[in-house]
Protein backbone atom coordinates (compact mmCIF):
# COMPACT_ATOMS: atom_id res chain seq x y z
CA MET A 1 13.66 1.30 -6.89
CA ARG A 2 13.16 -1.04 -10.19
CA PHE A 3 10.00 -2.00 -11.02
CA ALA A 4 8.67 -4.11 -13.86
CA HIS A 5 5.09 -3.91 -12.55
CA LEU A 6 4.02 -0.63 -13.93
CA ALA A 7 1.23 -1.59 -16.16
CA VAL A 8 -1.32 -3.44 -13.82
CA ILE A 9 -2.69 -5.65 -16.30
CA LEU A 10 -5.96 -7.34 -15.03
CA VAL A 11 -7.25 -10.39 -16.35
CA PHE A 12 -11.03 -10.73 -16.07
CA TRP A 13 -12.90 -13.74 -17.43
CA SER A 14 -15.57 -13.86 -20.05
CA PRO A 15 -18.69 -15.72 -18.75
CA ALA A 16 -17.64 -18.94 -20.74
CA SER A 17 -14.58 -19.34 -18.39
CA VAL A 18 -16.12 -19.01 -15.23
CA VAL A 19 -15.80 -21.68 -13.22
CA ALA A 20 -18.34 -23.05 -10.99
CA ALA A 21 -19.16 -20.39 -7.91
CA GLU A 22 -17.84 -20.46 -4.66
CA PRO A 23 -20.54 -18.14 -3.04
CA ALA A 24 -19.14 -18.26 0.79
CA LEU A 25 -15.28 -17.49 -0.22
CA ARG A 26 -16.50 -14.75 -2.69
CA THR A 27 -18.24 -13.29 0.30
CA GLU A 28 -15.23 -13.48 2.33
CA ALA A 29 -13.23 -12.11 -0.49
CA LEU A 30 -15.56 -8.74 -0.42
CA LEU A 31 -15.54 -8.67 3.10
CA ALA A 32 -11.85 -8.42 3.25
CA MET A 33 -11.31 -5.88 0.21
CA ARG A 34 -13.86 -3.78 2.09
CA LYS A 35 -12.16 -3.81 5.55
CA ALA A 36 -8.37 -3.60 3.74
CA THR A 37 -9.51 -0.69 1.41
CA GLU A 38 -11.19 1.21 4.45
CA TYR A 39 -7.92 0.77 6.90
CA TYR A 40 -5.69 2.27 3.82
CA THR A 41 -7.90 5.10 2.96
CA THR A 42 -8.99 6.30 6.36
CA LYS A 43 -5.58 5.40 8.29
CA VAL A 44 -2.65 5.00 5.65
CA ALA A 45 -3.41 7.44 3.22
CA ALA A 46 -2.22 11.64 3.37
CA HIS A 47 -4.00 13.67 0.97
CA GLY A 48 -5.43 10.87 -0.67
CA GLY A 49 -1.73 9.44 -1.74
CA TYR A 50 0.56 6.62 -0.82
CA VAL A 51 4.40 6.27 0.08
CA TYR A 52 5.96 2.44 -0.31
CA HIS A 53 6.34 1.94 3.32
CA TYR A 54 5.06 2.17 6.77
CA THR A 55 6.00 0.97 10.27
CA LEU A 56 2.80 -0.28 11.86
CA ASP A 57 2.31 2.75 14.24
CA LEU A 58 2.23 4.90 11.07
CA LYS A 59 4.59 7.11 12.50
CA LYS A 60 7.58 6.65 9.80
CA ARG A 61 6.95 6.48 6.31
CA TRP A 62 9.17 5.64 3.20
CA GLY A 63 9.19 6.43 -0.64
CA GLU A 64 12.51 6.78 -2.22
CA GLY A 65 13.84 7.81 1.33
CA ALA A 66 12.32 9.03 4.16
CA ALA A 67 8.86 10.78 3.93
CA THR A 68 7.03 13.58 5.91
CA ALA A 69 3.06 12.92 6.90
CA ASP A 70 2.63 15.83 3.95
CA GLN A 71 4.44 13.85 1.44
CA VAL A 72 3.40 11.38 -1.18
CA TRP A 73 5.13 9.04 -3.96
CA VAL A 74 4.58 9.11 -7.48
CA GLN A 75 7.11 6.26 -8.33
CA PRO A 76 6.04 2.81 -8.01
CA PRO A 77 5.01 1.39 -5.93
CA GLY A 78 3.42 4.34 -4.79
CA THR A 79 -0.30 6.59 -5.20
CA PRO A 80 -0.54 5.20 -8.67
CA THR A 81 0.17 1.41 -7.71
CA VAL A 82 -2.47 1.74 -5.19
CA GLY A 83 -5.10 3.58 -7.60
CA MET A 84 -4.71 0.80 -9.89
CA ALA A 85 -5.88 -1.58 -7.16
CA TYR A 86 -8.64 0.55 -6.27
CA LEU A 87 -10.09 0.77 -9.93
CA ALA A 88 -9.42 -2.91 -9.98
CA ALA A 89 -11.83 -3.42 -7.12
CA TYR A 90 -14.14 -1.22 -8.55
CA LYS A 91 -14.21 -3.13 -11.82
CA ALA A 92 -14.72 -6.48 -9.91
CA THR A 93 -17.55 -5.15 -7.57
CA GLY A 94 -19.18 -2.08 -9.25
CA ASP A 95 -18.87 -0.55 -5.83
CA THR A 96 -18.69 3.16 -6.09
CA PHE A 97 -16.76 2.94 -2.40
CA TYR A 98 -13.41 1.77 -4.74
CA LEU A 99 -14.20 4.45 -7.22
CA GLU A 100 -14.06 7.61 -4.73
CA ALA A 101 -10.95 5.68 -3.02
CA ALA A 102 -9.05 5.77 -6.75
CA HIS A 103 -10.72 9.54 -6.84
CA GLU A 104 -8.67 10.51 -3.82
CA ALA A 105 -5.64 9.36 -5.33
CA ALA A 106 -6.26 10.76 -8.66
CA LYS A 107 -6.65 14.09 -6.86
CA ALA A 108 -3.49 13.67 -5.12
CA LEU A 109 -1.53 13.27 -8.54
CA MET A 110 -3.48 16.07 -10.14
CA TYR A 111 -2.16 18.38 -7.57
CA GLY A 112 1.12 16.78 -7.93
CA GLN A 113 1.28 17.35 -11.88
CA LEU A 114 3.75 19.56 -12.87
CA LYS A 115 3.64 22.37 -15.31
CA SER A 116 5.49 20.43 -17.96
CA GLY A 117 2.85 17.80 -17.97
CA GLY A 118 4.28 14.91 -16.28
CA TRP A 119 5.26 13.76 -12.61
CA THR A 120 8.59 13.66 -10.50
CA ASN A 121 8.83 11.14 -7.97
CA SER A 122 6.95 12.63 -5.02
CA VAL A 123 4.16 15.23 -4.35
CA ASP A 124 4.82 17.41 -1.59
CA PHE A 125 1.86 18.97 0.10
CA ASP A 126 3.47 20.94 2.54
CA PRO A 127 3.65 24.92 1.11
CA ASN A 128 7.74 24.99 2.38
CA GLY A 129 8.40 21.38 1.81
CA LYS A 130 11.36 20.52 0.40
CA LEU A 131 10.20 18.28 -2.26
CA ARG A 132 7.97 20.91 -3.76
CA ALA A 133 8.33 21.37 -7.41
CA GLN A 134 6.22 23.52 -10.35
CA TYR A 135 2.86 22.07 -9.59
CA ARG A 136 0.18 23.14 -11.91
CA ASN A 137 -2.81 22.86 -9.42
CA GLY A 138 -0.72 23.73 -6.17
CA PRO A 139 1.62 26.32 -4.94
CA ALA A 140 4.77 26.12 -7.26
CA LYS A 141 8.28 26.20 -6.21
CA GLY A 142 11.46 24.36 -7.05
CA ARG A 143 11.80 22.46 -10.74
CA ASN A 144 9.60 21.87 -13.51
CA THR A 145 11.18 18.33 -14.25
CA SER A 146 8.81 15.57 -15.36
CA THR A 147 10.78 12.35 -15.82
CA LEU A 148 10.06 8.88 -17.03
CA ASP A 149 12.72 7.29 -15.20
CA ASP A 150 11.49 4.32 -12.91
CA GLY A 151 8.03 4.61 -15.01
CA ILE A 152 7.10 7.51 -12.75
CA THR A 153 5.10 9.39 -15.22
CA GLN A 154 3.97 6.25 -17.20
CA SER A 155 2.58 4.65 -14.33
CA ALA A 156 0.90 8.22 -13.14
CA LEU A 157 -0.54 8.23 -16.87
CA GLN A 158 -1.69 4.82 -16.94
CA PHE A 159 -3.80 5.15 -13.64
CA MET A 160 -5.40 8.55 -14.82
CA MET A 161 -6.26 7.04 -18.15
CA GLN A 162 -7.95 4.29 -16.47
CA ALA A 163 -9.75 6.51 -14.04
CA ASP A 164 -11.11 8.95 -16.68
CA GLN A 165 -12.20 6.16 -18.27
CA ALA A 166 -13.99 4.47 -15.13
CA PHE A 167 -15.76 7.94 -14.82
CA LYS A 168 -16.64 7.69 -18.61
CA PHE A 169 -14.75 10.85 -19.46
CA GLN A 170 -17.37 12.79 -17.41
CA ASN A 171 -14.91 14.19 -14.55
CA LYS A 172 -13.78 17.09 -16.02
CA GLU A 173 -10.61 17.64 -13.69
CA ILE A 174 -9.52 14.20 -14.18
CA HIS A 175 -9.74 14.21 -18.07
CA GLU A 176 -8.05 17.69 -18.43
CA ALA A 177 -5.26 16.65 -16.88
CA THR A 178 -4.88 13.45 -18.28
CA LEU A 179 -5.00 14.76 -21.76
CA PHE A 180 -2.68 17.31 -20.80
CA ALA A 181 -0.09 14.90 -19.70
CA LEU A 182 -0.52 13.29 -23.10
CA ASP A 183 0.47 16.19 -25.14
CA ALA A 184 3.63 16.61 -22.95
CA LEU A 185 4.36 12.96 -23.70
CA PHE A 186 4.17 13.24 -27.36
CA LYS A 187 5.92 16.44 -27.67
CA ALA A 188 8.97 14.79 -25.49
CA GLN A 189 9.68 12.31 -28.21
CA PHE A 190 12.78 12.94 -30.20
CA ALA A 191 12.49 13.01 -34.05
CA ASN A 192 14.33 9.81 -34.18
CA GLY A 193 11.46 8.09 -31.93
CA ALA A 194 13.63 8.16 -28.46
CA PHE A 195 12.48 9.71 -25.33
CA PRO A 196 14.83 11.53 -22.65
CA GLN A 197 14.71 10.59 -18.97
CA VAL A 198 13.15 13.79 -18.24
CA TRP A 199 11.96 16.97 -19.85
CA THR A 200 10.91 20.64 -18.97
CA GLY A 201 9.00 21.08 -22.22
CA PRO A 202 9.23 20.16 -26.15
CA VAL A 203 12.42 18.67 -26.96
CA PRO A 204 15.13 20.13 -29.58
CA GLU A 205 15.48 19.00 -32.77
CA GLN A 206 18.27 16.54 -33.17
CA PRO A 207 19.76 14.41 -35.97
CA VAL A 208 18.58 10.81 -36.89
CA LEU A 209 21.65 8.70 -36.71
CA LYS A 210 22.58 4.88 -36.53
CA ALA A 211 23.92 3.39 -32.99
CA SER A 212 28.03 3.65 -33.31
CA TYR A 213 30.96 2.86 -30.56
CA PRO A 214 32.71 5.93 -29.53
CA THR A 215 35.93 6.72 -31.02
CA TYR A 216 37.24 8.57 -28.06
CA GLU A 217 38.28 7.62 -24.50
CA TRP A 218 34.96 6.78 -23.25
CA ARG A 219 36.34 6.03 -20.16
CA THR A 220 37.30 9.38 -19.14
CA GLU A 221 35.52 11.97 -21.98
CA ASN A 222 32.32 13.14 -22.74
CA ARG A 223 30.87 13.10 -19.67
CA ILE A 224 27.79 15.16 -20.13
CA LYS A 225 26.34 16.74 -17.08
CA ALA A 226 22.69 16.88 -18.30
CA TYR A 227 22.67 13.34 -19.27
CA TRP A 228 18.91 13.00 -18.34
CA ASP A 229 18.44 15.27 -21.54
CA LEU A 230 19.77 12.72 -23.74
CA TYR A 231 18.23 9.42 -25.26
CA THR A 232 17.68 6.75 -22.62
CA LEU A 233 16.63 3.33 -22.32
CA ASN A 234 17.81 3.21 -18.25
CA ASP A 235 15.25 0.95 -16.72
CA ASN A 236 13.39 -0.16 -19.05
CA SER A 237 11.78 3.02 -20.16
CA PRO A 238 11.20 2.25 -23.47
CA GLY A 239 8.69 -0.85 -22.47
CA PHE A 240 6.95 1.20 -20.00
CA VAL A 241 6.50 4.06 -22.44
CA ALA A 242 5.02 1.41 -24.96
CA ASP A 243 2.85 0.27 -22.53
CA THR A 244 1.23 3.86 -22.03
CA LEU A 245 0.97 4.41 -25.61
CA LEU A 246 -0.87 0.78 -25.97
CA GLU A 247 -3.49 2.08 -23.51
CA VAL A 248 -3.59 5.31 -25.26
CA MET A 249 -4.80 3.47 -28.44
CA GLU A 250 -7.09 1.53 -26.62
CA ILE A 251 -8.85 3.92 -24.57
CA TYR A 252 -8.44 7.26 -26.55
CA GLU A 253 -8.21 5.83 -29.86
CA ASP A 254 -5.57 8.87 -30.42
CA PRO A 255 -3.85 8.46 -33.87
CA ARG A 256 -0.78 9.86 -32.07
CA ALA A 257 -0.22 6.85 -29.99
CA ARG A 258 0.07 4.52 -32.62
CA GLN A 259 2.89 7.00 -34.49
CA ALA A 260 4.68 7.69 -31.48
CA LEU A 261 4.87 4.00 -30.73
CA GLU A 262 6.49 3.29 -34.16
CA LYS A 263 8.92 6.00 -33.84
CA LEU A 264 10.05 4.35 -30.52
CA GLY A 265 10.42 1.18 -32.40
CA ASP A 266 12.51 2.97 -34.89
CA PHE A 267 14.77 4.49 -32.71
CA LEU A 268 15.33 0.89 -30.88
CA ILE A 269 16.14 -0.24 -34.62
CA LEU A 270 18.49 2.87 -34.91
CA ALA A 271 20.22 2.08 -31.04
CA GLN A 272 20.96 -1.50 -31.86
CA MET A 273 24.72 -1.47 -31.52
CA PRO A 274 26.77 -3.06 -34.26
CA GLU A 275 28.81 -6.29 -34.24
CA PRO A 276 30.47 -7.36 -32.31
CA GLN A 277 27.79 -6.47 -29.75
CA PRO A 278 24.19 -6.25 -31.46
CA ALA A 279 22.43 -5.22 -28.62
CA TRP A 280 21.35 -1.78 -26.48
CA ALA A 281 23.34 0.43 -24.36
CA GLN A 282 21.69 2.05 -21.20
CA GLN A 283 22.18 6.05 -22.66
CA TYR A 284 23.03 7.71 -25.88
CA ASP A 285 24.52 11.06 -26.64
CA PHE A 286 22.99 13.10 -29.67
CA GLN A 287 25.49 11.30 -31.73
CA MET A 288 24.22 7.98 -30.95
CA ARG A 289 27.25 6.74 -29.02
CA PRO A 290 26.76 4.87 -25.49
CA VAL A 291 27.34 7.78 -23.09
CA TRP A 292 28.26 8.07 -19.20
CA ALA A 293 25.02 8.57 -17.15
CA ARG A 294 25.45 8.77 -13.29
CA LYS A 295 28.79 7.96 -11.83
CA PHE A 296 27.84 4.21 -11.75
CA GLU A 297 26.40 3.90 -15.07
CA PRO A 298 29.14 3.74 -17.72
CA PRO A 299 28.99 3.99 -21.65
CA ALA A 300 28.15 -0.24 -21.95
CA ILE A 301 26.11 -2.58 -23.60
CA SER A 302 23.26 -3.33 -21.07
CA GLY A 303 21.63 -6.86 -20.30
CA ARG A 304 18.73 -5.64 -18.68
CA GLU A 305 17.66 -2.81 -21.00
CA SER A 306 18.58 -5.01 -23.91
CA ILE A 307 15.90 -7.43 -22.73
CA ASP A 308 13.24 -4.72 -22.80
CA ALA A 309 13.99 -3.22 -26.09
CA ILE A 310 13.53 -6.66 -27.59
CA GLU A 311 10.50 -6.77 -25.72
CA THR A 312 9.48 -3.61 -26.84
CA LEU A 313 10.18 -4.05 -30.43
CA MET A 314 7.67 -7.01 -30.41
CA LYS A 315 4.94 -5.22 -28.73
CA VAL A 316 5.35 -2.41 -31.93
CA TYR A 317 5.28 -5.44 -34.21
CA ARG A 318 2.07 -7.03 -32.69
CA VAL A 319 0.59 -3.64 -33.31
CA THR A 320 2.09 -2.81 -36.97
CA GLN A 321 2.68 -6.34 -38.14
CA ASP A 322 5.83 -4.85 -39.91
CA LYS A 323 8.74 -7.26 -39.67
CA LYS A 324 11.29 -4.78 -39.63
CA TYR A 325 10.42 -4.29 -35.87
CA LEU A 326 11.31 -7.96 -35.37
CA GLU A 327 14.76 -8.03 -37.81
CA PRO A 328 17.44 -7.19 -34.82
CA ILE A 329 16.00 -9.21 -32.59
CA PRO A 330 17.54 -12.91 -33.59
CA ARG A 331 20.80 -11.10 -33.20
CA ALA A 332 20.22 -9.44 -30.16
CA LEU A 333 19.17 -12.79 -28.62
CA ALA A 334 22.22 -14.50 -29.70
CA TRP A 335 24.24 -11.94 -27.82
CA LEU A 336 22.31 -12.26 -24.47
CA LYS A 337 22.51 -16.01 -24.60
CA LYS A 338 26.42 -15.92 -24.85
CA SER A 339 26.88 -13.32 -22.59
CA GLN A 340 25.47 -14.91 -19.77
CA LEU A 341 27.42 -15.39 -16.42
CA GLN A 342 28.66 -18.22 -15.23
CA ASP A 343 25.65 -17.98 -12.39
CA GLY A 344 23.17 -17.62 -15.15
CA ARG A 345 22.46 -13.87 -14.56
CA LEU A 346 23.07 -11.20 -17.05
CA ALA A 347 25.62 -8.35 -16.19
CA ARG A 348 24.14 -5.04 -16.04
CA TYR A 349 26.90 -3.36 -18.00
CA TYR A 350 29.53 -5.33 -20.77
CA GLU A 351 32.53 -3.26 -21.85
CA LEU A 352 32.33 -2.18 -25.22
CA LYS A 353 33.65 -4.23 -28.27
CA THR A 354 35.45 -6.47 -25.62
CA ASN A 355 32.18 -7.88 -23.92
CA THR A 356 33.51 -7.87 -20.36
CA PRO A 357 31.24 -7.44 -17.64
CA LEU A 358 31.89 -4.27 -15.89
CA TYR A 359 31.42 -3.41 -12.54
CA MET A 360 32.60 -0.51 -10.01
CA ASN A 361 34.28 -0.85 -6.72
CA GLU A 362 33.21 1.47 -3.27
CA LYS A 363 35.56 4.30 -4.96
CA TYR A 364 33.42 4.03 -7.97
CA GLU A 365 36.00 3.25 -10.14
CA LEU A 366 35.58 0.92 -13.26
CA THR A 367 36.73 -3.01 -12.55
CA TYR A 368 36.33 -6.51 -14.12
CA ASP A 369 35.63 -7.41 -10.48
CA ASP A 370 32.44 -7.71 -8.73
CA SER A 371 33.60 -8.45 -5.16
CA ASN A 372 33.54 -4.75 -3.75
CA ALA A 373 30.85 -3.31 -5.75
CA PRO A 374 28.52 -0.89 -3.88
CA ASP A 375 25.08 -2.58 -2.94
CA HIS A 376 22.82 0.32 -3.71
CA TYR A 377 22.69 -0.66 -7.40
CA GLY A 378 21.93 -4.25 -8.99
CA TRP A 379 25.21 -4.68 -11.19
CA LYS A 380 23.65 -8.23 -12.27
CA THR A 381 20.49 -9.21 -13.22
CA ASN A 382 17.96 -11.99 -13.22
CA HIS A 383 16.12 -12.40 -16.43
CA ASN A 384 13.31 -14.00 -18.38
CA LEU A 385 15.22 -15.03 -21.36
CA PRO A 386 13.66 -18.23 -22.13
CA GLN A 387 10.41 -16.55 -22.24
CA VAL A 388 11.18 -13.94 -24.38
CA GLU A 389 12.65 -16.42 -27.22
CA LYS A 390 9.36 -18.10 -26.69
CA GLN A 391 7.47 -15.12 -27.56
CA PHE A 392 9.81 -14.31 -30.03
CA ALA A 393 9.01 -17.71 -31.83
CA GLU A 394 5.34 -17.19 -31.48
CA VAL A 395 5.17 -13.67 -33.06
CA SER A 396 7.87 -14.97 -35.83
CA ALA A 397 5.08 -17.76 -36.93
CA SER A 398 2.41 -15.14 -36.68
CA LYS A 399 0.69 -17.17 -33.30
CA PRO A 400 -0.88 -15.51 -31.41
CA ALA A 401 0.37 -15.74 -27.50
CA LYS A 402 -1.49 -18.46 -25.81
CA ALA A 403 -3.50 -17.64 -23.11
CA ASP A 404 -2.36 -19.25 -19.78
CA ASN A 405 -5.30 -20.50 -17.77
CA ALA A 406 -3.24 -21.76 -15.01
CA LYS A 407 -1.90 -17.83 -14.46
CA SER A 408 -5.61 -16.35 -15.24
CA MET A 409 -7.04 -18.62 -12.54
CA VAL A 410 -6.97 -17.49 -9.07
CA ALA A 411 -6.56 -20.40 -6.92
CA ALA A 412 -9.25 -20.50 -4.08
CA LYS A 413 -6.66 -21.73 -1.76
CA ARG A 414 -4.20 -18.71 -2.44
CA VAL A 415 -7.40 -16.43 -2.07
CA LYS A 416 -8.19 -18.08 1.21
CA GLU A 417 -4.73 -17.45 2.11
CA VAL A 418 -5.06 -13.61 1.70
CA ILE A 419 -8.04 -13.44 3.28
CA ASP A 420 -6.97 -15.01 6.46
CA ALA A 421 -3.57 -13.04 6.41
CA LEU A 422 -5.49 -9.56 6.91
CA ASP A 423 -5.27 -8.97 10.55
CA LYS A 424 -8.06 -7.63 13.18
CA GLU A 425 -7.55 -4.36 11.84
CA GLY A 426 -7.82 -4.91 8.01
CA ARG A 427 -4.01 -4.96 7.67
CA TRP A 428 -1.67 -7.21 5.51
CA VAL A 429 1.64 -6.84 7.82
CA SER A 430 4.72 -7.78 5.77
CA HIS A 431 7.92 -9.17 7.64
CA HIS A 432 11.45 -7.69 7.08
CA ASN A 433 13.96 -10.54 6.90
CA GLY A 434 16.71 -8.76 6.20
CA GLU A 435 16.03 -8.27 2.40
CA ARG A 436 16.85 -5.04 0.57
CA LEU A 437 13.64 -3.00 -0.10
CA VAL A 438 12.54 -0.78 -2.34
CA GLY A 439 13.44 2.77 -1.27
CA GLN A 440 15.63 1.04 1.18
CA PRO A 441 14.21 2.00 4.45
CA LYS A 442 16.19 1.80 7.41
CA PHE A 443 13.87 -1.10 9.09
CA PRO A 444 15.93 -3.29 11.74
CA PRO A 445 15.63 -7.18 10.86
CA ASN A 446 12.30 -9.00 12.00
CA GLU A 447 10.46 -5.34 11.87
CA ASP A 448 6.81 -5.63 11.03
CA TYR A 449 5.75 -3.18 8.77
CA LEU A 450 2.99 -2.10 5.92
CA SER A 451 3.67 -2.27 2.26
CA SER A 452 1.60 -0.85 -0.33
CA GLU A 453 2.93 -3.32 -2.67
CA MET A 454 1.48 -5.92 -0.61
CA PHE A 455 -1.77 -3.97 -0.15
CA SER A 456 -1.99 -3.47 -3.89
CA ARG A 457 -1.12 -6.94 -4.82
CA ASN A 458 -3.49 -8.42 -2.37
CA LEU A 459 -6.30 -6.43 -3.36
CA GLU A 460 -6.01 -7.01 -6.89
CA LEU A 461 -5.77 -10.74 -6.30
CA LEU A 462 -9.09 -10.78 -4.48
CA SER A 463 -10.68 -8.17 -7.13
CA GLU A 464 -9.99 -11.02 -9.65
CA TYR A 465 -11.22 -13.71 -7.85
CA VAL A 466 -14.57 -11.99 -6.82
CA GLN A 467 -14.77 -11.07 -10.77
CA SER A 468 -13.82 -14.55 -12.17
CA GLN A 469 -16.83 -15.77 -9.49
CA GLY A 470 -19.53 -13.62 -10.86
CA ASN A 471 -22.57 -11.92 -9.26
C-alpha cells in the first residue's frame, strides 16, 4: 500500500471567500454526511476502527491482507484516515455526533498503541489474535515494533493530535497517549537527523557522515538482515514525518518539533549522493552507503524517494528560511529530468553510478529488463516533477505559494454527484474493474465493495462544501 494522502489537509474558507449560499444543496449535503456516517459507525466499524475494504455483506474485510472481525488497520486508508474525515465533519458542522465518532476511532488507536510509543500496521482486539502486539492499553503479546513505514505511526499521530485539539486538550486519555507517542518519535531520531523504519526504543548513537557509493560488491555483499533499524527514506517516510512535525509545531508549539524538522533537513543534505547521481537512495547503512532492504529493494538511487526528499527540504526551508536546505535541489532536479523513462515515468531504482534503470525478474534476480517483473511492487512511478519545479522556483524567489482557488472551491456539481451516489442504506459503493487495489484484496472483477478511502474522501468533500457555505 502506498499512499501519499497521509496528512489530511482541509481547506476552510474565510468569510471573505464564502460564495453565495446554496441552502438546499447544503441541507442535502448535511443529510448525506449524517446518513453515511451513521452507516459507517454502526455497521462497518469494529471496536471503533476500520480496515480498507469490505464486501457489501460485510462478511469479508481487508487491510494489508484479509482481516478478522476483531482486527482494524492503522495503516492508511484505515482507522486514522476515517477518523480524520469525522474530525473534518465536526469542524464543518459543530455536530458532536462526528466528534464522538472520531473519539471511538481514537479509542481503537489508543488500545493498539505500543509500549514503544507508536503503532504497527494493525490492531488486534482478539486476546489470542495472531496480529497482537505489545499494547500499552490492552493485553500485551508479540512484538513492540513501532513503525514509520507507509505513514503508519505518522497518520495515527496526526489524527490523535487533531483529536486532542478538537477536545481542547481536555480528554486526558487522548492527550496522554498523544504526548507519549510524540516523546517516542523524538527519541527515534538519530543524531544525523534520520529516522529508522521501525523502533522499539531510543535509537543508538551513530557517526554523522556524508553519503558515499559502496566500494564493495553491493549486489551480493552487506545485506543487513535488520535493515529496518537503518536510515530510511522508503515510501516517502521523511515527508510524512515532516508533515507530522509541522502539525506538532502548530498544535502544541513544542520547540522539539522545529529542532527535529531542521535535523531531518540536515540528514537529507548529508544523504544526497555525490555525482554522477546527486539524488537519494531508499535506504542507507550507518556508514551512509545505499544498502539492501527487502529482497526486491536493492542499493540504488530512487526516483520516487528523491522527489519526496526535495519536497521535504522545501518544507524545512519554508519554516527556517535557511537556504542551505535549497542548495541540493537544483542538482537533484536536473538528475530527475534526465532520468525519466521513455514513457515519462521514473524508475523506482537506478543502478549506482551507471544510472541504468534496475528491475527484478520473477526469481528476484536483478535485471535491466522490466518485462518479467513481479506485479506486487511499483517498479515505475508517475511523478509530479513539473509541480515540484514550480514550487522550487517560488520558494527560491521567496514568493509564497499562490492559493489555487479552483481547487479550494468545491463545485456544486461534484457535491451533487457525491450525494446522489449514496445508496438507500447510506453507502458509497465502489466497483472493482480489475484494477490493483491497496492491500490487494481477492475481489473478482466486477465485484462491488465498500472502501474506507472512498468514504473518507466523500465525507471530507461534503464537509468542505458545508463549511464553505456557512451557516
